[in-house]
C-alpha cells in the first residue's frame, strides 16, 4: 500500500495530489512574498516618517535663532553666520555637515530649484567678486508661489527670506538635499 500511495502522491505530474502540492507550494511562496513586501513597505514608510520628523525638528530648531545677530564664524545665540546656523541645526539631530557654506554645497544630492522641499539647502554667491558659493539657507516653507529659507544675513542676522526676492533670485546657485 505504501508503494501505491507513493506512486499516487508523487507519480506523474498530472495527478491531482501532485497538482495540489504544487498549488500549495506556489500559494505559500506568494503569501511569503506579499508579507515580505508589506514589511519592506512598512519599513520604508517608517523611514520616511522618521526623516520628515527629523527634518521638521531641524527646521523648528533653526527658527529658535530668529533675530540672533550675525557674527562671522559664530555658532551661538550671541551671534552666528549662515553656515553656523545650518550646521548647528542639523547637528542637534545627528546630521553632520561641513562648517562652511562652500563645503556644504558639495554634500548631498543636487536638486533643481523646483525640486526642493522643506529641509533642503539653497546656496548663493553674494560676495562682490561672486566667484564661489559663500551663503547658505535652509528651506523652511515651500508653496506653489515661493520658497522661504532661514539664513543669517550680515545686515539683519537670522531671518527668513523668500527666493522670490530679486536679490536672492539673482544670486541663487544651486540646491542640495542632505537628508535622504
N, C-alpha and C. Protein backbone atom coordinates (compact mmCIF):
# COMPACT_ATOMS: atom_id res chain seq x y z
N UNK A 1 0.82 -1.19 0.00
CA UNK A 1 0.00 0.00 0.00
C UNK A 1 0.86 1.25 0.00
N UNK A 2 1.98 1.23 0.68
CA UNK A 2 2.86 2.40 0.70
C UNK A 2 3.34 2.71 -0.70
N UNK A 3 3.65 1.65 -1.50
CA UNK A 3 4.07 1.87 -2.88
C UNK A 3 2.95 2.54 -3.66
N UNK A 4 1.74 2.10 -3.42
CA UNK A 4 0.58 2.63 -4.13
C UNK A 4 0.38 4.12 -3.79
N UNK A 5 0.48 4.49 -2.50
CA UNK A 5 0.34 5.88 -2.09
C UNK A 5 1.47 6.73 -2.64
N UNK A 6 2.68 6.14 -2.59
CA UNK A 6 3.84 6.88 -3.08
C UNK A 6 3.65 7.19 -4.56
N UNK A 7 3.21 6.22 -5.32
CA UNK A 7 3.03 6.42 -6.75
C UNK A 7 1.88 7.40 -7.00
N UNK A 8 0.83 7.29 -6.22
CA UNK A 8 -0.32 8.14 -6.41
C UNK A 8 -0.02 9.59 -6.03
N UNK A 9 0.75 9.79 -4.95
CA UNK A 9 1.05 11.14 -4.49
C UNK A 9 2.13 11.81 -5.33
N UNK A 10 3.13 11.06 -5.73
CA UNK A 10 4.27 11.69 -6.39
C UNK A 10 4.54 11.11 -7.76
N UNK A 11 3.60 10.37 -8.27
CA UNK A 11 3.78 9.71 -9.55
C UNK A 11 3.90 10.68 -10.69
N UNK A 12 3.01 10.63 -11.66
CA UNK A 12 3.13 11.52 -12.80
C UNK A 12 2.64 12.92 -12.43
N UNK A 13 3.11 13.89 -13.16
CA UNK A 13 2.84 15.28 -12.80
C UNK A 13 1.38 15.66 -13.03
N UNK A 14 0.62 14.85 -13.67
CA UNK A 14 -0.77 15.16 -13.92
C UNK A 14 -1.68 14.72 -12.79
N UNK A 15 -1.17 14.00 -11.83
CA UNK A 15 -2.05 13.53 -10.77
C UNK A 15 -2.54 14.69 -9.92
N UNK A 16 -3.73 14.54 -9.35
CA UNK A 16 -4.34 15.62 -8.58
C UNK A 16 -3.54 15.92 -7.31
N UNK A 17 -2.94 14.91 -6.70
CA UNK A 17 -2.15 15.14 -5.48
C UNK A 17 -0.94 16.00 -5.80
N UNK A 18 -0.28 15.71 -6.90
CA UNK A 18 0.91 16.47 -7.30
C UNK A 18 0.52 17.92 -7.60
N UNK A 19 -0.60 18.11 -8.27
CA UNK A 19 -1.08 19.45 -8.58
C UNK A 19 -1.40 20.21 -7.30
N UNK A 20 -2.02 19.54 -6.32
CA UNK A 20 -2.32 20.18 -5.04
C UNK A 20 -1.05 20.61 -4.34
N UNK A 21 -0.03 19.76 -4.36
CA UNK A 21 1.24 20.10 -3.71
C UNK A 21 1.85 21.31 -4.41
N UNK A 22 1.85 21.31 -5.74
CA UNK A 22 2.40 22.45 -6.49
C UNK A 22 1.60 23.72 -6.17
N UNK A 23 0.29 23.60 -6.12
CA UNK A 23 -0.57 24.74 -5.83
C UNK A 23 -0.30 25.28 -4.43
N UNK A 24 -0.24 24.37 -3.44
CA UNK A 24 0.02 24.79 -2.06
C UNK A 24 1.39 25.45 -1.92
N UNK A 25 2.38 24.89 -2.59
CA UNK A 25 3.72 25.46 -2.54
C UNK A 25 3.73 26.85 -3.18
N UNK A 26 3.09 26.97 -4.33
CA UNK A 26 3.02 28.25 -5.02
C UNK A 26 2.26 29.27 -4.17
N UNK A 27 1.16 28.87 -3.58
CA UNK A 27 0.37 29.77 -2.72
C UNK A 27 1.20 30.24 -1.54
N UNK A 28 1.96 29.33 -0.95
CA UNK A 28 2.80 29.69 0.20
C UNK A 28 3.87 30.69 -0.21
N UNK A 29 4.47 30.48 -1.36
CA UNK A 29 5.50 31.40 -1.84
C UNK A 29 4.93 32.78 -2.12
N UNK A 30 3.76 32.83 -2.71
CA UNK A 30 3.11 34.12 -2.98
C UNK A 30 2.77 34.82 -1.67
N UNK A 31 2.25 34.07 -0.70
CA UNK A 31 1.91 34.63 0.61
C UNK A 31 3.14 35.21 1.29
N UNK A 32 4.25 34.47 1.24
CA UNK A 32 5.50 34.95 1.84
C UNK A 32 5.97 36.21 1.12
N UNK A 33 5.87 36.22 -0.20
CA UNK A 33 6.29 37.40 -0.97
C UNK A 33 5.45 38.61 -0.60
N UNK A 34 4.14 38.41 -0.46
CA UNK A 34 3.26 39.51 -0.09
C UNK A 34 3.61 40.02 1.31
N UNK A 35 3.82 39.11 2.24
CA UNK A 35 4.19 39.53 3.59
C UNK A 35 5.52 40.27 3.59
N UNK A 36 6.47 39.79 2.83
CA UNK A 36 7.77 40.44 2.76
C UNK A 36 7.65 41.83 2.21
N UNK A 37 6.87 41.98 1.13
CA UNK A 37 6.75 43.30 0.53
C UNK A 37 6.01 44.25 1.46
N UNK A 38 5.05 43.74 2.20
CA UNK A 38 4.34 44.59 3.15
C UNK A 38 5.31 45.06 4.23
N UNK A 39 6.18 44.18 4.68
CA UNK A 39 7.16 44.53 5.71
C UNK A 39 8.12 45.58 5.21
N UNK A 40 8.63 45.40 3.99
CA UNK A 40 9.58 46.38 3.48
C UNK A 40 8.88 47.69 3.18
N UNK A 41 7.63 47.62 2.77
CA UNK A 41 6.86 48.84 2.53
C UNK A 41 6.63 49.57 3.85
N UNK A 42 6.34 48.81 4.89
CA UNK A 42 6.13 49.40 6.20
C UNK A 42 7.42 50.03 6.71
N UNK A 43 8.55 49.34 6.50
CA UNK A 43 9.84 49.89 6.91
C UNK A 43 10.14 51.17 6.14
N UNK A 44 9.83 51.18 4.85
CA UNK A 44 10.05 52.39 4.04
C UNK A 44 9.19 53.54 4.55
N UNK A 45 7.94 53.23 4.90
CA UNK A 45 7.05 54.27 5.44
C UNK A 45 7.57 54.79 6.77
N UNK A 46 8.06 53.87 7.61
CA UNK A 46 8.60 54.29 8.91
C UNK A 46 9.85 55.15 8.72
N UNK A 47 10.71 54.77 7.76
CA UNK A 47 11.92 55.55 7.49
C UNK A 47 11.55 56.94 6.99
N UNK A 48 10.55 57.03 6.11
CA UNK A 48 10.13 58.33 5.59
C UNK A 48 9.52 59.18 6.70
N UNK A 49 8.75 58.55 7.59
CA UNK A 49 8.16 59.27 8.71
C UNK A 49 9.25 59.81 9.63
N UNK A 50 10.26 58.99 9.89
CA UNK A 50 11.37 59.42 10.74
C UNK A 50 12.12 60.57 10.07
N UNK A 51 12.36 60.47 8.75
CA UNK A 51 13.05 61.52 8.00
C UNK A 51 12.27 62.83 8.08
N UNK A 52 10.94 62.77 7.82
CA UNK A 52 10.16 64.01 7.86
C UNK A 52 10.12 64.60 9.25
N UNK A 53 10.05 63.75 10.25
CA UNK A 53 10.04 64.22 11.63
C UNK A 53 11.37 64.90 11.96
N UNK A 54 12.47 64.30 11.56
CA UNK A 54 13.78 64.88 11.81
C UNK A 54 13.92 66.21 11.08
N UNK A 55 13.50 66.25 9.82
CA UNK A 55 13.58 67.50 9.06
C UNK A 55 12.77 68.59 9.74
N UNK A 56 11.56 68.27 10.18
CA UNK A 56 10.74 69.28 10.85
C UNK A 56 11.41 69.74 12.14
N UNK A 57 12.04 68.81 12.86
CA UNK A 57 12.76 69.19 14.08
C UNK A 57 13.93 70.13 13.77
N UNK A 58 14.66 69.84 12.69
CA UNK A 58 15.78 70.70 12.28
C UNK A 58 15.26 72.10 11.96
N UNK A 59 14.18 72.18 11.19
CA UNK A 59 13.59 73.47 10.81
C UNK A 59 13.13 74.22 12.07
N UNK A 60 12.42 73.53 12.94
CA UNK A 60 11.93 74.18 14.16
C UNK A 60 13.10 74.66 15.03
N UNK A 61 14.13 73.86 15.12
CA UNK A 61 15.30 74.24 15.92
C UNK A 61 15.94 75.50 15.33
N UNK A 62 16.10 75.55 14.01
CA UNK A 62 16.73 76.71 13.38
C UNK A 62 15.94 77.99 13.67
N UNK A 63 14.62 77.87 13.74
CA UNK A 63 13.78 79.05 13.98
C UNK A 63 13.95 79.63 15.38
N UNK A 64 14.50 78.83 16.30
CA UNK A 64 14.78 79.34 17.65
C UNK A 64 15.76 80.52 17.60
N UNK A 65 16.53 80.58 16.55
CA UNK A 65 17.57 81.60 16.44
C UNK A 65 17.14 82.83 15.66
N UNK A 66 15.88 82.90 15.26
CA UNK A 66 15.39 84.09 14.55
C UNK A 66 15.72 85.34 15.37
N UNK A 67 16.29 86.34 14.72
CA UNK A 67 16.66 87.58 15.41
C UNK A 67 18.06 87.57 15.99
N UNK A 68 18.72 86.41 16.00
CA UNK A 68 20.10 86.35 16.51
C UNK A 68 21.00 87.19 15.60
N UNK A 69 21.86 88.02 16.19
CA UNK A 69 22.72 88.86 15.34
C UNK A 69 23.73 88.03 14.53
N UNK A 70 24.17 88.62 13.44
CA UNK A 70 25.19 87.99 12.60
C UNK A 70 26.55 88.12 13.27
N UNK A 71 27.32 87.05 13.24
CA UNK A 71 28.71 87.09 13.69
C UNK A 71 29.48 86.09 12.84
N UNK A 72 30.46 86.59 12.11
CA UNK A 72 31.27 85.72 11.26
C UNK A 72 31.89 84.61 12.11
N UNK A 73 31.68 83.36 11.71
CA UNK A 73 32.22 82.22 12.43
C UNK A 73 31.43 81.83 13.67
N UNK A 74 30.36 82.57 13.97
CA UNK A 74 29.59 82.32 15.19
C UNK A 74 28.64 81.14 15.08
N UNK A 75 28.45 80.49 16.23
CA UNK A 75 27.54 79.33 16.27
C UNK A 75 26.71 79.32 17.56
N UNK A 76 26.53 80.49 18.16
CA UNK A 76 25.77 80.56 19.40
C UNK A 76 24.68 81.61 19.30
N UNK A 77 23.83 81.67 20.33
CA UNK A 77 22.74 82.65 20.32
C UNK A 77 23.25 84.08 20.47
N UNK A 78 24.51 84.25 20.81
CA UNK A 78 25.04 85.63 20.86
C UNK A 78 25.46 86.11 19.48
N UNK A 79 25.56 85.20 18.51
CA UNK A 79 25.87 85.58 17.13
C UNK A 79 26.25 84.37 16.29
N UNK A 80 25.80 84.37 15.05
CA UNK A 80 26.14 83.24 14.16
C UNK A 80 26.12 83.68 12.71
N UNK A 81 26.87 82.91 11.91
CA UNK A 81 26.84 83.15 10.48
C UNK A 81 25.93 82.11 9.83
N UNK A 82 25.75 82.21 8.51
CA UNK A 82 24.77 81.36 7.83
C UNK A 82 25.11 79.87 7.95
N UNK A 83 26.35 79.50 7.72
CA UNK A 83 26.70 78.08 7.78
C UNK A 83 26.71 77.56 9.22
N UNK A 84 27.00 78.46 10.17
CA UNK A 84 26.94 78.07 11.58
C UNK A 84 25.52 77.70 11.99
N UNK A 85 24.55 78.50 11.53
CA UNK A 85 23.14 78.23 11.82
C UNK A 85 22.73 76.87 11.25
N UNK A 86 23.10 76.61 10.01
CA UNK A 86 22.70 75.36 9.35
C UNK A 86 23.39 74.17 10.00
N UNK A 87 24.70 74.28 10.20
CA UNK A 87 25.44 73.17 10.80
C UNK A 87 24.90 72.85 12.19
N UNK A 88 24.69 73.86 13.02
CA UNK A 88 24.19 73.67 14.38
C UNK A 88 22.80 73.03 14.38
N UNK A 89 21.93 73.49 13.50
CA UNK A 89 20.55 72.97 13.46
C UNK A 89 20.52 71.49 13.09
N UNK A 90 21.32 71.09 12.10
CA UNK A 90 21.36 69.67 11.72
C UNK A 90 22.08 68.83 12.77
N UNK A 91 23.13 69.39 13.36
CA UNK A 91 23.91 68.65 14.36
C UNK A 91 23.04 68.24 15.56
N UNK A 92 22.06 69.07 15.92
CA UNK A 92 21.18 68.76 17.04
C UNK A 92 20.43 67.45 16.84
N UNK A 93 20.30 67.02 15.58
CA UNK A 93 19.55 65.81 15.27
C UNK A 93 20.42 64.75 14.60
N UNK A 94 21.72 64.83 14.88
CA UNK A 94 22.63 63.77 14.47
C UNK A 94 23.11 63.81 13.03
N UNK A 95 22.89 64.90 12.33
CA UNK A 95 23.33 65.00 10.94
C UNK A 95 24.55 65.93 10.90
N UNK A 96 25.69 65.37 10.55
CA UNK A 96 26.92 66.15 10.50
C UNK A 96 27.09 66.79 9.12
N UNK A 97 27.37 68.08 9.14
CA UNK A 97 27.61 68.83 7.90
C UNK A 97 28.94 69.57 8.03
N UNK A 98 29.56 69.85 6.90
CA UNK A 98 30.79 70.66 6.95
C UNK A 98 30.51 72.03 7.54
N UNK A 99 31.54 72.76 7.92
CA UNK A 99 31.36 74.05 8.59
C UNK A 99 31.06 75.21 7.64
N UNK A 100 31.57 75.18 6.42
CA UNK A 100 31.39 76.33 5.54
C UNK A 100 30.30 76.08 4.50
N UNK A 101 29.70 77.16 4.03
CA UNK A 101 28.65 77.03 3.01
C UNK A 101 29.22 76.41 1.73
N UNK A 102 30.44 76.79 1.39
CA UNK A 102 31.06 76.23 0.18
C UNK A 102 31.21 74.70 0.29
N UNK A 103 31.69 74.22 1.44
CA UNK A 103 31.82 72.78 1.64
C UNK A 103 30.46 72.09 1.74
N UNK A 104 29.50 72.75 2.36
CA UNK A 104 28.15 72.19 2.44
C UNK A 104 27.57 71.99 1.04
N UNK A 105 27.92 72.89 0.13
CA UNK A 105 27.35 72.82 -1.22
C UNK A 105 27.85 71.61 -2.00
N UNK A 106 28.82 70.91 -1.45
CA UNK A 106 29.35 69.69 -2.09
C UNK A 106 28.82 68.43 -1.42
N UNK A 107 27.89 68.59 -0.48
CA UNK A 107 27.37 67.48 0.30
C UNK A 107 25.92 67.20 -0.08
N UNK A 108 25.60 65.93 -0.29
CA UNK A 108 24.20 65.56 -0.56
C UNK A 108 23.91 65.36 -2.02
N UNK A 109 22.63 65.47 -2.33
CA UNK A 109 22.13 65.24 -3.69
C UNK A 109 21.70 66.58 -4.30
N UNK A 110 22.21 66.88 -5.48
CA UNK A 110 21.88 68.13 -6.15
C UNK A 110 20.44 68.09 -6.66
N UNK A 111 19.75 69.23 -6.51
CA UNK A 111 18.35 69.36 -6.93
C UNK A 111 18.17 70.60 -7.78
N UNK A 112 17.19 70.54 -8.65
CA UNK A 112 16.76 71.76 -9.34
C UNK A 112 15.90 72.53 -8.35
N UNK A 113 15.83 73.83 -8.53
CA UNK A 113 15.08 74.66 -7.58
C UNK A 113 13.63 74.21 -7.45
N UNK A 114 13.02 73.78 -8.55
CA UNK A 114 11.62 73.34 -8.48
C UNK A 114 11.45 72.03 -7.72
N UNK A 115 12.57 71.30 -7.47
CA UNK A 115 12.51 70.03 -6.75
C UNK A 115 12.70 70.19 -5.25
N UNK A 116 13.14 71.35 -4.79
CA UNK A 116 13.44 71.49 -3.37
C UNK A 116 12.20 71.36 -2.52
N UNK A 117 12.44 70.96 -1.28
CA UNK A 117 11.37 70.82 -0.31
C UNK A 117 11.90 71.31 1.03
N UNK A 118 11.03 71.36 2.01
CA UNK A 118 11.43 71.77 3.36
C UNK A 118 12.58 70.87 3.81
N UNK A 119 13.62 71.49 4.36
CA UNK A 119 14.79 70.74 4.85
C UNK A 119 15.95 70.73 3.88
N UNK A 120 15.73 71.14 2.64
CA UNK A 120 16.83 71.20 1.67
C UNK A 120 17.60 72.50 1.84
N UNK A 121 18.79 72.53 1.30
CA UNK A 121 19.65 73.71 1.40
C UNK A 121 19.69 74.45 0.07
N UNK A 122 19.71 75.78 0.14
CA UNK A 122 19.85 76.62 -1.05
C UNK A 122 21.13 77.42 -0.90
N UNK A 123 21.88 77.55 -2.00
CA UNK A 123 23.19 78.18 -1.97
C UNK A 123 23.25 79.37 -2.90
N UNK A 124 24.05 80.35 -2.48
CA UNK A 124 24.15 81.61 -3.19
C UNK A 124 25.60 82.07 -3.28
N UNK A 125 25.84 82.92 -4.28
CA UNK A 125 27.09 83.67 -4.39
C UNK A 125 26.71 85.12 -4.18
N UNK A 126 27.09 85.68 -3.02
CA UNK A 126 26.66 87.05 -2.73
C UNK A 126 27.82 88.01 -2.53
N UNK A 127 29.05 87.53 -2.65
CA UNK A 127 30.18 88.46 -2.49
C UNK A 127 30.32 89.30 -3.75
N UNK A 128 31.09 90.36 -3.64
CA UNK A 128 31.24 91.27 -4.78
C UNK A 128 31.89 90.59 -5.97
N UNK A 129 32.88 89.74 -5.73
CA UNK A 129 33.52 89.06 -6.87
C UNK A 129 32.69 87.88 -7.38
N UNK A 130 31.77 87.36 -6.54
CA UNK A 130 30.81 86.31 -6.91
C UNK A 130 31.48 85.13 -7.63
N UNK A 131 32.66 84.75 -7.18
CA UNK A 131 33.37 83.63 -7.80
C UNK A 131 32.96 82.28 -7.23
N UNK A 132 32.57 82.27 -5.98
CA UNK A 132 32.23 80.98 -5.38
C UNK A 132 31.10 81.12 -4.36
N UNK A 133 30.50 79.99 -4.06
CA UNK A 133 29.39 79.96 -3.10
C UNK A 133 29.90 80.45 -1.75
N UNK A 134 29.13 81.37 -1.15
CA UNK A 134 29.52 81.88 0.17
C UNK A 134 28.32 82.18 1.07
N UNK A 135 27.16 81.61 0.71
CA UNK A 135 25.98 81.80 1.55
C UNK A 135 25.05 80.60 1.41
N UNK A 136 24.42 80.20 2.53
CA UNK A 136 23.53 79.05 2.53
C UNK A 136 22.28 79.36 3.36
N UNK A 137 21.17 78.78 2.93
CA UNK A 137 19.92 78.89 3.67
C UNK A 137 19.25 77.53 3.74
N UNK A 138 18.38 77.36 4.71
CA UNK A 138 17.62 76.13 4.92
C UNK A 138 16.17 76.40 4.55
N UNK A 139 15.63 75.62 3.62
CA UNK A 139 14.24 75.80 3.20
C UNK A 139 13.32 75.44 4.38
N UNK A 140 12.47 76.40 4.76
CA UNK A 140 11.55 76.19 5.88
C UNK A 140 10.10 76.13 5.44
N UNK A 141 9.84 76.57 4.21
CA UNK A 141 8.47 76.55 3.70
C UNK A 141 8.51 76.57 2.18
N UNK A 142 7.63 75.75 1.59
CA UNK A 142 7.51 75.76 0.13
C UNK A 142 6.03 75.79 -0.23
N UNK A 143 5.68 76.72 -1.09
CA UNK A 143 4.32 76.81 -1.62
C UNK A 143 4.45 76.90 -3.13
N UNK A 144 3.35 76.79 -3.86
CA UNK A 144 3.44 76.96 -5.31
C UNK A 144 3.98 78.34 -5.71
N UNK A 145 3.82 79.32 -4.83
CA UNK A 145 4.25 80.68 -5.16
C UNK A 145 5.70 80.97 -4.79
N UNK A 146 6.20 80.36 -3.75
CA UNK A 146 7.54 80.73 -3.28
C UNK A 146 8.22 79.64 -2.47
N UNK A 147 9.48 79.87 -2.22
CA UNK A 147 10.30 79.03 -1.33
C UNK A 147 10.88 79.98 -0.30
N UNK A 148 10.61 79.71 0.97
CA UNK A 148 11.16 80.53 2.05
C UNK A 148 12.30 79.76 2.71
N UNK A 149 13.35 80.49 3.05
CA UNK A 149 14.51 79.86 3.68
C UNK A 149 15.00 80.70 4.84
N UNK A 150 15.54 80.03 5.85
CA UNK A 150 16.13 80.71 7.01
C UNK A 150 17.62 80.78 6.78
N UNK A 151 18.20 81.90 7.16
CA UNK A 151 19.64 82.12 6.99
C UNK A 151 20.08 83.23 7.92
N UNK A 152 21.37 83.46 8.00
CA UNK A 152 21.89 84.56 8.79
C UNK A 152 22.46 85.61 7.86
N UNK A 153 21.82 86.73 7.82
CA UNK A 153 22.21 87.85 6.96
C UNK A 153 23.19 88.75 7.72
N UNK A 154 24.23 89.19 7.04
CA UNK A 154 25.22 90.04 7.71
C UNK A 154 24.61 91.37 8.17
N UNK A 155 23.54 91.80 7.53
CA UNK A 155 22.93 93.08 7.92
C UNK A 155 21.78 92.93 8.93
N UNK A 156 21.08 91.80 8.92
CA UNK A 156 19.90 91.66 9.79
C UNK A 156 19.91 90.43 10.68
N UNK A 157 20.96 89.63 10.64
CA UNK A 157 21.03 88.45 11.50
C UNK A 157 20.16 87.33 10.96
N UNK A 158 19.76 86.42 11.85
CA UNK A 158 18.97 85.25 11.43
C UNK A 158 17.56 85.71 11.08
N UNK A 159 17.16 85.36 9.86
CA UNK A 159 15.87 85.80 9.35
C UNK A 159 15.36 84.81 8.31
N UNK A 160 14.12 84.96 7.91
CA UNK A 160 13.54 84.14 6.85
C UNK A 160 13.34 85.05 5.63
N UNK A 161 13.78 84.56 4.48
CA UNK A 161 13.65 85.31 3.22
C UNK A 161 12.97 84.44 2.18
N UNK A 162 12.51 85.11 1.13
CA UNK A 162 11.87 84.40 0.01
C UNK A 162 12.82 84.35 -1.17
N UNK A 163 12.83 83.22 -1.85
CA UNK A 163 13.65 83.07 -3.05
C UNK A 163 13.15 84.02 -4.14
N UNK A 164 11.90 84.51 -4.01
CA UNK A 164 11.35 85.44 -5.00
C UNK A 164 11.94 86.84 -4.88
N UNK A 165 12.58 87.14 -3.77
CA UNK A 165 13.24 88.44 -3.63
C UNK A 165 14.26 88.56 -4.76
N UNK A 166 14.24 89.65 -5.53
CA UNK A 166 15.14 89.78 -6.68
C UNK A 166 16.62 89.55 -6.34
N UNK A 167 17.06 89.98 -5.16
CA UNK A 167 18.45 89.78 -4.77
C UNK A 167 18.79 88.29 -4.68
N UNK A 168 17.92 87.53 -4.01
CA UNK A 168 18.19 86.10 -3.82
C UNK A 168 18.03 85.34 -5.14
N UNK A 169 17.05 85.72 -5.91
CA UNK A 169 16.83 85.07 -7.20
C UNK A 169 18.05 85.25 -8.11
N UNK A 170 18.59 86.45 -8.13
CA UNK A 170 19.74 86.77 -8.98
C UNK A 170 21.01 86.03 -8.53
N UNK A 171 21.17 85.83 -7.23
CA UNK A 171 22.40 85.25 -6.69
C UNK A 171 22.31 83.75 -6.38
N UNK A 172 21.15 83.16 -6.63
CA UNK A 172 20.96 81.71 -6.40
C UNK A 172 21.92 80.91 -7.31
N UNK A 173 22.51 79.85 -6.72
CA UNK A 173 23.44 78.99 -7.47
C UNK A 173 22.89 77.56 -7.61
N UNK A 174 22.56 76.96 -6.47
CA UNK A 174 22.08 75.57 -6.53
C UNK A 174 21.42 75.17 -5.23
N UNK A 175 20.84 73.96 -5.24
CA UNK A 175 20.17 73.39 -4.06
C UNK A 175 20.69 71.98 -3.84
N UNK A 176 20.72 71.59 -2.56
CA UNK A 176 21.18 70.24 -2.21
C UNK A 176 20.25 69.64 -1.16
N UNK A 177 20.07 68.32 -1.24
CA UNK A 177 19.33 67.58 -0.22
C UNK A 177 20.36 66.81 0.59
N UNK A 178 20.47 67.12 1.86
CA UNK A 178 21.48 66.46 2.70
C UNK A 178 20.90 65.32 3.52
N UNK A 179 19.57 65.22 3.57
CA UNK A 179 18.92 64.10 4.27
C UNK A 179 18.06 63.33 3.30
N UNK A 180 18.40 62.07 3.07
CA UNK A 180 17.58 61.22 2.18
C UNK A 180 16.63 60.38 2.96
